[in-house]
């Protein structure tokens, strides 16, 4: 099957004006990607006031969108990113602290169990925790009453 001829001479020139019989060459309106909105330079003579107002409104909308984007980035996005980093590092520090306290608690329990035995060590740790909870509750009630 023969392939079609794709040489530049065989292709129609899309930018060349193709006027209809009896119509002047410069009177055709551009279509597609080369429409009035995308063109730079002098505006066509047939542009109405409504088209000018529509262009002005579109220019205003684009300006507001661009300014809003920069303000939101500066006032919302960047501080939120910084706050997220602070929270992430604080969470990592808290988890590391908790892990350290857990290892110290296990080590202390094993040392206490070595001297007094496991049953007595568990009773001692439980009693200390109960006493701590009672002391915190007493302090809270005293603060609420005053």
C-alpha atoms as a PDB file:
ATOM      1  CA  UNK A   1       0.000   0.000   0.000  1.00  0.00           C
ATOM      2  CA  UNK A   2       1.647   3.301  -1.023  1.00  0.00           C
ATOM      3  CA  UNK A   3       2.050   5.968   1.667  1.00  0.00           C
ATOM      4  CA  UNK A   4       0.510   9.408   1.086  1.00  0.00           C
ATOM      5  CA  UNK A   5       2.777  12.232   0.013  1.00  0.00           C
ATOM      6  CA  UNK A   6       3.670  14.304   3.107  1.00  0.00           C
ATOM      7  CA  UNK A   7       6.050  16.790   1.568  1.00  0.00           C
ATOM      8  CA  UNK A   8       5.571  20.462   2.521  1.00  0.00           C
ATOM      9  CA  UNK A   9       4.364  21.229  -0.991  1.00  0.00           C
ATOM     10  CA  UNK A  10       1.543  18.686  -0.641  1.00  0.00           C
ATOM     11  CA  UNK A  11       0.355  20.108   2.725  1.00  0.00           C
ATOM     12  CA  UNK A  12      -2.006  23.086   2.686  1.00  0.00           C
ATOM     13  CA  UNK A  13      -0.652  26.174   4.434  1.00  0.00           C
ATOM     14  CA  UNK A  14      -2.990  26.816   7.410  1.00  0.00           C
ATOM     15  CA  UNK A  15      -1.760  30.381   7.820  1.00  0.00           C
ATOM     16  CA  UNK A  16      -2.413  31.324   4.211  1.00  0.00           C
ATOM     17  CA  UNK A  17      -5.653  33.253   3.783  1.00  0.00           C
ATOM     18  CA  UNK A  18      -8.278  31.494   1.708  1.00  0.00           C
ATOM     19  CA  UNK A  19     -10.862  34.094   0.871  1.00  0.00           C
ATOM     20  CA  UNK A  20     -14.215  33.165  -0.523  1.00  0.00           C
ATOM     21  CA  UNK A  21     -15.097  34.596  -3.930  1.00  0.00           C
ATOM     22  CA  UNK A  22     -16.209  38.180  -3.545  1.00  0.00           C
ATOM     23  CA  UNK A  23     -14.820  38.511  -0.013  1.00  0.00           C
ATOM     24  CA  UNK A  24     -11.750  40.608   0.797  1.00  0.00           C
ATOM     25  CA  UNK A  25      -8.727  38.663   2.070  1.00  0.00           C
ATOM     26  CA  UNK A  26      -8.318  40.537   5.396  1.00  0.00           C
ATOM     27  CA  UNK A  27     -11.960  40.126   6.498  1.00  0.00           C
ATOM     28  CA  UNK A  28     -11.696  36.538   7.725  1.00  0.00           C
ATOM     29  CA  UNK A  29     -11.799  35.961  11.474  1.00  0.00           C
ATOM     30  CA  UNK A  30      -9.155  33.699  13.012  1.00  0.00           C
ATOM     31  CA  UNK A  31     -10.326  30.422  14.502  1.00  0.00           C
ATOM     32  CA  UNK A  32      -8.907  27.789  16.864  1.00  0.00           C
ATOM     33  CA  UNK A  33      -5.709  28.479  18.798  1.00  0.00           C
ATOM     34  CA  UNK A  34      -5.179  31.806  17.070  1.00  0.00           C
ATOM     35  CA  UNK A  35      -8.418  33.347  18.336  1.00  0.00           C
ATOM     36  CA  UNK A  36      -8.730  36.931  19.552  1.00  0.00           C
ATOM     37  CA  UNK A  37      -8.012  35.991  23.187  1.00  0.00           C
ATOM     38  CA  UNK A  38      -4.622  34.476  22.370  1.00  0.00           C
ATOM     39  CA  UNK A  39      -3.474  37.105  19.844  1.00  0.00           C
ATOM     40  CA  UNK A  40      -1.092  39.862  20.794  1.00  0.00           C
ATOM     41  CA  UNK A  41      -0.940  43.112  18.939  1.00  0.00           C
ATOM     42  CA  UNK A  42      -3.580  45.275  17.310  1.00  0.00           C
ATOM     43  CA  UNK A  43      -7.181  44.217  17.754  1.00  0.00           C
ATOM     44  CA  UNK A  44      -9.425  43.586  14.740  1.00  0.00           C
ATOM     45  CA  UNK A  45     -11.566  46.471  13.582  1.00  0.00           C
ATOM     46  CA  UNK A  46     -14.803  44.521  14.152  1.00  0.00           C
ATOM     47  CA  UNK A  47     -14.311  44.189  17.925  1.00  0.00           C
ATOM     48  CA  UNK A  48     -17.323  45.395  19.850  1.00  0.00           C
ATOM     49  CA  UNK A  49     -17.579  47.141  23.199  1.00  0.00           C
ATOM     50  CA  UNK A  50     -18.922  43.919  24.704  1.00  0.00           C
ATOM     51  CA  UNK A  51     -15.772  42.096  23.556  1.00  0.00           C
ATOM     52  CA  UNK A  52     -13.612  44.807  25.116  1.00  0.00           C
ATOM     53  CA  UNK A  53     -15.542  44.582  28.399  1.00  0.00           C
ATOM     54  CA  UNK A  54     -15.243  40.797  28.363  1.00  0.00           C
ATOM     55  CA  UNK A  55     -11.477  41.108  27.821  1.00  0.00           C
ATOM     56  CA  UNK A  56     -11.227  43.618  30.680  1.00  0.00           C
ATOM     57  CA  UNK A  57     -13.179  41.329  33.010  1.00  0.00           C
ATOM     58  CA  UNK A  58     -10.967  38.371  32.053  1.00  0.00           C
ATOM     59  CA  UNK A  59      -7.860  40.490  32.685  1.00  0.00           C
ATOM     60  CA  UNK A  60      -9.222  41.440  36.120  1.00  0.00           C
ATOM     61  CA  UNK A  61     -10.044  37.798  36.966  1.00  0.00           C
ATOM     62  CA  UNK A  62      -6.548  36.685  35.950  1.00  0.00           C
ATOM     63  CA  UNK A  63      -4.969  39.454  38.051  1.00  0.00           C
ATOM     64  CA  UNK A  64      -7.053  38.602  41.134  1.00  0.00           C
ATOM     65  CA  UNK A  65      -6.270  34.898  40.724  1.00  0.00           C
ATOM     66  CA  UNK A  66      -2.531  35.587  40.521  1.00  0.00           C
ATOM     67  CA  UNK A  67      -2.515  37.944  43.519  1.00  0.00           C
ATOM     68  CA  UNK A  68      -4.667  35.582  45.586  1.00  0.00           C
ATOM     69  CA  UNK A  69      -2.308  32.718  44.845  1.00  0.00           C
ATOM     70  CA  UNK A  70       0.720  34.667  46.053  1.00  0.00           C
ATOM     71  CA  UNK A  71      -1.044  35.875  49.212  1.00  0.00           C
ATOM     72  CA  UNK A  72      -2.315  32.382  50.059  1.00  0.00           C
ATOM     73  CA  UNK A  73       1.151  30.923  49.508  1.00  0.00           C
ATOM     74  CA  UNK A  74       2.765  33.566  51.719  1.00  0.00           C
ATOM     75  CA  UNK A  75       0.168  33.786  54.492  1.00  0.00           C
ATOM     76  CA  UNK A  76      -1.236  30.233  54.660  1.00  0.00           C
ATOM     77  CA  UNK A  77       0.893  27.597  52.945  1.00  0.00           C
ATOM     78  CA  UNK A  78       4.344  28.530  54.272  1.00  0.00           C
ATOM     79  CA  UNK A  79       3.271  28.967  57.938  1.00  0.00           C
ATOM     80  CA  UNK A  80       1.317  25.700  57.745  1.00  0.00           C
ATOM     81  CA  UNK A  81       4.387  23.887  56.425  1.00  0.00           C
ATOM     82  CA  UNK A  82       6.507  25.324  59.232  1.00  0.00           C
ATOM     83  CA  UNK A  83       3.922  24.344  61.847  1.00  0.00           C
ATOM     84  CA  UNK A  84       3.799  20.828  60.396  1.00  0.00           C
ATOM     85  CA  UNK A  85       7.565  20.519  60.682  1.00  0.00           C
ATOM     86  CA  UNK A  86       7.475  21.710  64.306  1.00  0.00           C
ATOM     87  CA  UNK A  87       4.752  19.186  65.141  1.00  0.00           C
ATOM     88  CA  UNK A  88       6.635  16.373  63.385  1.00  0.00           C
ATOM     89  CA  UNK A  89       9.858  17.088  65.279  1.00  0.00           C
ATOM     90  CA  UNK A  90       7.976  17.431  68.587  1.00  0.00           C
ATOM     91  CA  UNK A  91       6.272  14.088  67.972  1.00  0.00           C
ATOM     92  CA  UNK A  92       9.610  12.435  67.173  1.00  0.00           C
ATOM     93  CA  UNK A  93      11.134  13.900  70.357  1.00  0.00           C
ATOM     94  CA  UNK A  94       8.161  12.734  72.461  1.00  0.00           C
ATOM     95  CA  UNK A  95       8.364   9.206  71.056  1.00  0.00           C
ATOM     96  CA  UNK A  96      12.103   9.064  71.746  1.00  0.00           C
ATOM     97  CA  UNK A  97      11.536  10.319  75.313  1.00  0.00           C
ATOM     98  CA  UNK A  98       8.802   7.739  75.885  1.00  0.00           C
ATOM     99  CA  UNK A  99      11.037   4.949  74.605  1.00  0.00           C
ATOM    100  CA  UNK A 100      13.852   6.088  76.916  1.00  0.00           C
ATOM    101  CA  UNK A 101      11.538   6.239  79.931  1.00  0.00           C
ATOM    102  CA  UNK A 102      10.233   2.756  79.135  1.00  0.00           C
ATOM    103  CA  UNK A 103      13.756   1.315  79.038  1.00  0.00           C
ATOM    104  CA  UNK A 104      14.691   3.042  82.312  1.00  0.00           C
ATOM    105  CA  UNK A 105      11.481   1.742  83.926  1.00  0.00           C
ATOM    106  CA  UNK A 106      12.156  -1.839  82.789  1.00  0.00           C
ATOM    107  CA  UNK A 107      15.758  -1.594  83.988  1.00  0.00           C
ATOM    108  CA  UNK A 108      14.676  -0.220  87.354  1.00  0.00           C
ATOM    109  CA  UNK A 109      12.082  -2.969  87.726  1.00  0.00           C
ATOM    110  CA  UNK A 110      14.676  -5.645  86.944  1.00  0.00           C
ATOM    111  CA  UNK A 111      17.118  -4.116  89.439  1.00  0.00           C
ATOM    112  CA  UNK A 112      14.434  -3.956  92.128  1.00  0.00           C
ATOM    113  CA  UNK A 113      13.415  -7.554  91.342  1.00  0.00           C
ATOM    114  CA  UNK A 114      17.052  -8.640  91.746  1.00  0.00           C
ATOM    115  CA  UNK A 115      17.133  -7.291  95.305  1.00  0.00           C
ATOM    116  CA  UNK A 116      13.603  -8.102  96.602  1.00  0.00           C
ATOM    117  CA  UNK A 117      12.188 -10.658  94.121  1.00  0.00           C
ATOM    118  CA  UNK A 118       9.642 -10.246  91.329  1.00  0.00           C
ATOM    119  CA  UNK A 119       6.498 -10.395  93.413  1.00  0.00           C
ATOM    120  CA  UNK A 120       7.670  -7.767  95.876  1.00  0.00           C
ATOM    121  CA  UNK A 121       9.002  -5.582  93.029  1.00  0.00           C
ATOM    122  CA  UNK A 122       5.627  -5.590  91.263  1.00  0.00           C
ATOM    123  CA  UNK A 123       3.858  -4.707  94.528  1.00  0.00           C
ATOM    124  CA  UNK A 124       6.263  -1.835  95.158  1.00  0.00           C
ATOM    125  CA  UNK A 125       5.867  -0.420  91.616  1.00  0.00           C
ATOM    126  CA  UNK A 126       2.066  -0.735  91.821  1.00  0.00           C
ATOM    127  CA  UNK A 127       1.991   1.005  95.194  1.00  0.00           C
ATOM    128  CA  UNK A 128       4.138   3.876  93.921  1.00  0.00           C
ATOM    129  CA  UNK A 129       1.846   4.349  90.890  1.00  0.00           C
ATOM    130  CA  UNK A 130      -1.290   4.296  93.073  1.00  0.00           C
ATOM    131  CA  UNK A 131       0.255   6.810  95.473  1.00  0.00           C
ATOM    132  CA  UNK A 132       1.185   9.068  92.546  1.00  0.00           C
ATOM    133  CA  UNK A 133      -2.366   8.921  91.153  1.00  0.00           C
ATOM    134  CA  UNK A 134      -3.766   9.729  94.613  1.00  0.00           C
ATOM    135  CA  UNK A 135      -1.418  12.697  95.013  1.00  0.00           C
ATOM    136  CA  UNK A 136      -2.352  14.110  91.600  1.00  0.00           C
ATOM    137  CA  UNK A 137      -6.076  13.695  92.327  1.00  0.00           C
ATOM    138  CA  UNK A 138      -5.695  15.433  95.718  1.00  0.00           C
ATOM    139  CA  UNK A 139      -3.832  18.353  94.096  1.00  0.00           C
ATOM    140  CA  UNK A 140      -6.522  18.736  91.438  1.00  0.00           C
ATOM    141  CA  UNK A 141      -9.356  18.742  93.996  1.00  0.00           C
ATOM    142  CA  UNK A 142      -7.521  21.343  96.121  1.00  0.00           C
ATOM    143  CA  UNK A 143      -7.033  23.561  93.064  1.00  0.00           C
ATOM    144  CA  UNK A 144     -10.721  23.310  92.118  1.00  0.00           C
ATOM    145  CA  UNK A 145     -11.861  24.217  95.657  1.00  0.00           C
ATOM    146  CA  UNK A 146      -9.736  27.343  95.897  1.00  0.00           C
END
